[in-house]
C-alpha atoms as a PDB file:
ATOM      1  CA  MET A   1     -65.274  16.818  52.351  1.00  0.00           C
ATOM      2  CA  ALA A   2     -61.737  16.474  51.224  1.00  0.00           C
ATOM      3  CA  ALA A   3     -58.871  16.717  53.858  1.00  0.00           C
ATOM      4  CA  THR A   4     -56.698  19.715  53.355  1.00  0.00           C
ATOM      5  CA  THR A   5     -53.119  19.702  53.958  1.00  0.00           C
ATOM      6  CA  LYS A   6     -51.877  22.296  56.472  1.00  0.00           C
ATOM      7  CA  SER A   7     -48.681  24.156  56.003  1.00  0.00           C
ATOM      8  CA  SER A   8     -46.671  26.523  58.268  1.00  0.00           C
ATOM      9  CA  VAL A   9     -45.178  29.788  57.817  1.00  0.00           C
ATOM     10  CA  GLN A  10     -42.343  31.052  60.105  1.00  0.00           C
ATOM     11  CA  VAL A  11     -41.411  34.776  60.402  1.00  0.00           C
ATOM     12  CA  ARG A  12     -38.577  36.286  62.466  1.00  0.00           C
ATOM     13  CA  LEU A  13     -39.805  39.465  63.978  1.00  0.00           C
ATOM     14  CA  ASP A  14     -38.460  42.101  66.123  1.00  0.00           C
ATOM     15  CA  GLU A  15     -39.937  41.365  69.605  1.00  0.00           C
ATOM     16  CA  ASP A  16     -41.357  44.916  70.025  1.00  0.00           C
ATOM     17  CA  LEU A  17     -43.232  44.686  66.771  1.00  0.00           C
ATOM     18  CA  LYS A  18     -44.563  41.385  67.855  1.00  0.00           C
ATOM     19  CA  LYS A  19     -45.834  42.451  71.243  1.00  0.00           C
ATOM     20  CA  ASP A  20     -47.302  45.871  69.619  1.00  0.00           C
ATOM     21  CA  ALA A  21     -49.176  43.855  66.998  1.00  0.00           C
ATOM     22  CA  GLU A  22     -50.495  41.275  69.489  1.00  0.00           C
ATOM     23  CA  ALA A  23     -51.850  44.046  71.526  1.00  0.00           C
ATOM     24  CA  VAL A  24     -53.738  45.310  68.614  1.00  0.00           C
ATOM     25  CA  PHE A  25     -55.031  41.780  67.691  1.00  0.00           C
ATOM     26  CA  ALA A  26     -56.248  41.344  71.252  1.00  0.00           C
ATOM     27  CA  ASN A  27     -58.150  44.488  71.099  1.00  0.00           C
ATOM     28  CA  LEU A  28     -59.707  43.316  67.927  1.00  0.00           C
ATOM     29  CA  GLY A  29     -60.518  39.849  69.593  1.00  0.00           C
ATOM     30  CA  VAL A  30     -58.215  37.769  67.290  1.00  0.00           C
ATOM     31  CA  ASP A  31     -54.805  36.195  67.929  1.00  0.00           C
ATOM     32  CA  ALA A  32     -51.830  36.699  65.604  1.00  0.00           C
ATOM     33  CA  PRO A  33     -52.312  33.334  63.706  1.00  0.00           C
ATOM     34  CA  THR A  34     -56.026  34.373  62.851  1.00  0.00           C
ATOM     35  CA  ALA A  35     -55.109  37.869  62.011  1.00  0.00           C
ATOM     36  CA  ILE A  36     -52.256  36.460  59.645  1.00  0.00           C
ATOM     37  CA  ARG A  37     -54.834  34.045  58.075  1.00  0.00           C
ATOM     38  CA  MET A  38     -57.246  36.955  57.513  1.00  0.00           C
ATOM     39  CA  PHE A  39     -54.506  38.874  55.685  1.00  0.00           C
ATOM     40  CA  LEU A  40     -53.720  36.121  53.550  1.00  0.00           C
ATOM     41  CA  LYS A  41     -57.344  35.312  52.625  1.00  0.00           C
ATOM     42  CA  LYS A  42     -57.799  39.130  51.638  1.00  0.00           C
ATOM     43  CA  VAL A  43     -54.470  38.823  49.506  1.00  0.00           C
ATOM     44  CA  VAL A  44     -56.093  35.917  47.722  1.00  0.00           C
ATOM     45  CA  ALA A  45     -59.486  37.290  47.480  1.00  0.00           C
ATOM     46  CA  THR A  46     -58.338  40.712  46.156  1.00  0.00           C
ATOM     47  CA  ARG A  47     -55.196  39.329  44.355  1.00  0.00           C
ATOM     48  CA  SER A  48     -53.300  42.194  45.774  1.00  0.00           C
ATOM     49  CA  ILE A  49     -51.821  43.615  49.118  1.00  0.00           C
ATOM     50  CA  PRO A  50     -54.732  45.070  50.906  1.00  0.00           C
ATOM     51  CA  PHE A  51     -53.179  48.358  51.822  1.00  0.00           C
ATOM     52  CA  MET A  52     -51.112  50.938  49.714  1.00  0.00           C
ATOM     53  CA  VAL A  53     -47.544  50.053  49.290  1.00  0.00           C
ATOM     54  CA  GLU A  54     -45.405  52.920  48.044  1.00  0.00           C
ATOM     55  CA  GLU A  55     -41.899  54.282  48.169  1.00  0.00           C
ATOM     56  CA  ASN A  56     -40.715  55.900  51.088  1.00  0.00           C
ATOM     57  CA  PRO A  57     -41.409  59.612  50.402  1.00  0.00           C
ATOM     58  CA  TYR A  58     -38.566  60.574  52.906  1.00  0.00           C
ATOM     59  CA  LEU A  59     -35.752  59.299  50.676  1.00  0.00           C
ATOM     60  CA  PHE A  60     -33.577  62.002  49.294  1.00  0.00           C
ATOM     61  CA  THR A  61     -31.302  61.962  46.216  1.00  0.00           C
ATOM     62  CA  PRO A  62     -27.619  62.633  47.321  1.00  0.00           C
ATOM     63  CA  GLU A  63     -28.028  66.275  45.957  1.00  0.00           C
ATOM     64  CA  GLU A  64     -31.125  66.811  47.806  1.00  0.00           C
ATOM     65  CA  GLU A  65     -29.722  65.606  51.113  1.00  0.00           C
ATOM     66  CA  ALA A  66     -26.456  67.877  50.509  1.00  0.00           C
ATOM     67  CA  GLU A  67     -28.721  70.687  50.204  1.00  0.00           C
ATOM     68  CA  ILE A  68     -30.712  69.990  53.294  1.00  0.00           C
ATOM     69  CA  LEU A  69     -27.660  69.577  55.219  1.00  0.00           C
ATOM     70  CA  GLN A  70     -26.058  72.839  53.776  1.00  0.00           C
ATOM     71  CA  ALA A  71     -29.424  74.770  54.697  1.00  0.00           C
ATOM     72  CA  ALA A  72     -29.326  73.321  58.246  1.00  0.00           C
ATOM     73  CA  GLU A  73     -25.637  74.221  58.799  1.00  0.00           C
ATOM     74  CA  GLU A  74     -26.483  77.754  57.365  1.00  0.00           C
ATOM     75  CA  SER A  75     -29.230  78.020  60.074  1.00  0.00           C
ATOM     76  CA  TYR A  76     -26.797  78.160  62.737  1.00  0.00           C
ATOM     77  CA  ASP A  77     -25.419  81.369  61.676  1.00  0.00           C
ATOM     78  CA  PRO A  78     -27.404  84.172  63.282  1.00  0.00           C
ATOM     79  CA  LYS A  79     -26.886  86.471  60.426  1.00  0.00           C
ATOM     80  CA  ASN A  80     -29.067  84.113  58.357  1.00  0.00           C
ATOM     81  CA  LEU A  81     -32.061  84.256  60.695  1.00  0.00           C
ATOM     82  CA  ASP A  82     -35.014  86.775  60.719  1.00  0.00           C
ATOM     83  CA  GLY A  83     -36.398  88.218  63.853  1.00  0.00           C
ATOM     84  CA  PRO A  84     -36.776  88.130  66.722  1.00  0.00           C
ATOM     85  CA  PHE A  85     -40.300  89.008  66.456  1.00  0.00           C
ATOM     86  CA  HIS A  86     -42.233  90.422  69.443  1.00  0.00           C
ATOM     87  CA  SER A  87     -45.572  89.539  68.410  1.00  0.00           C
ATOM     88  CA  ALA A  88     -47.436  87.179  66.024  1.00  0.00           C
ATOM     89  CA  LYS A  89     -48.654  90.315  64.172  1.00  0.00           C
ATOM     90  CA  GLU A  90     -45.252  91.291  63.663  1.00  0.00           C
ATOM     91  CA  ALA A  91     -44.087  87.865  62.209  1.00  0.00           C
ATOM     92  CA  ILE A  92     -47.205  87.652  60.040  1.00  0.00           C
ATOM     93  CA  GLU A  93     -46.393  91.120  58.782  1.00  0.00           C
ATOM     94  CA  PHE A  94     -42.810  90.132  57.986  1.00  0.00           C
ATOM     95  CA  LEU A  95     -43.970  86.922  56.166  1.00  0.00           C
ATOM     96  CA  GLY A  96     -46.458  88.952  54.049  1.00  0.00           C
ATOM     97  CA  ALA A  97     -43.807  91.397  53.190  1.00  0.00           C
ATOM     98  CA  SER A  98     -41.383  88.609  52.018  1.00  0.00           C
ATOM     99  CA  THR A  99     -44.071  86.732  49.909  1.00  0.00           C
ATOM    100  CA  PRO A 100     -43.336  87.211  46.191  1.00  0.00           C
ATOM    101  CA  LYS A 101     -46.065  89.126  44.355  1.00  0.00           C
ATOM    102  CA  ALA A 102     -47.619  87.355  41.290  1.00  0.00           C
END
């Protein structure tokens, strides 16, 4: 059997992230280096990252952000609020009345 050359990977992490991940690994019965090896083996086997990688859905365009901030500001003015409602039935009736008809 041919000897394989070993290589190291050094990663700087937030201490809390490291501790939290190590707690999960311990519950799974593996240490961090083993978990990282498992991840890398899965990457090689599938030729992909073994979980969904997508854009952050909570990023807004500057226009959307301005619209959200404006709506939040308007919500502080009592004249822009509905209610108070004295029962769930009253609130539901209000919502039903304000729903556009198709």
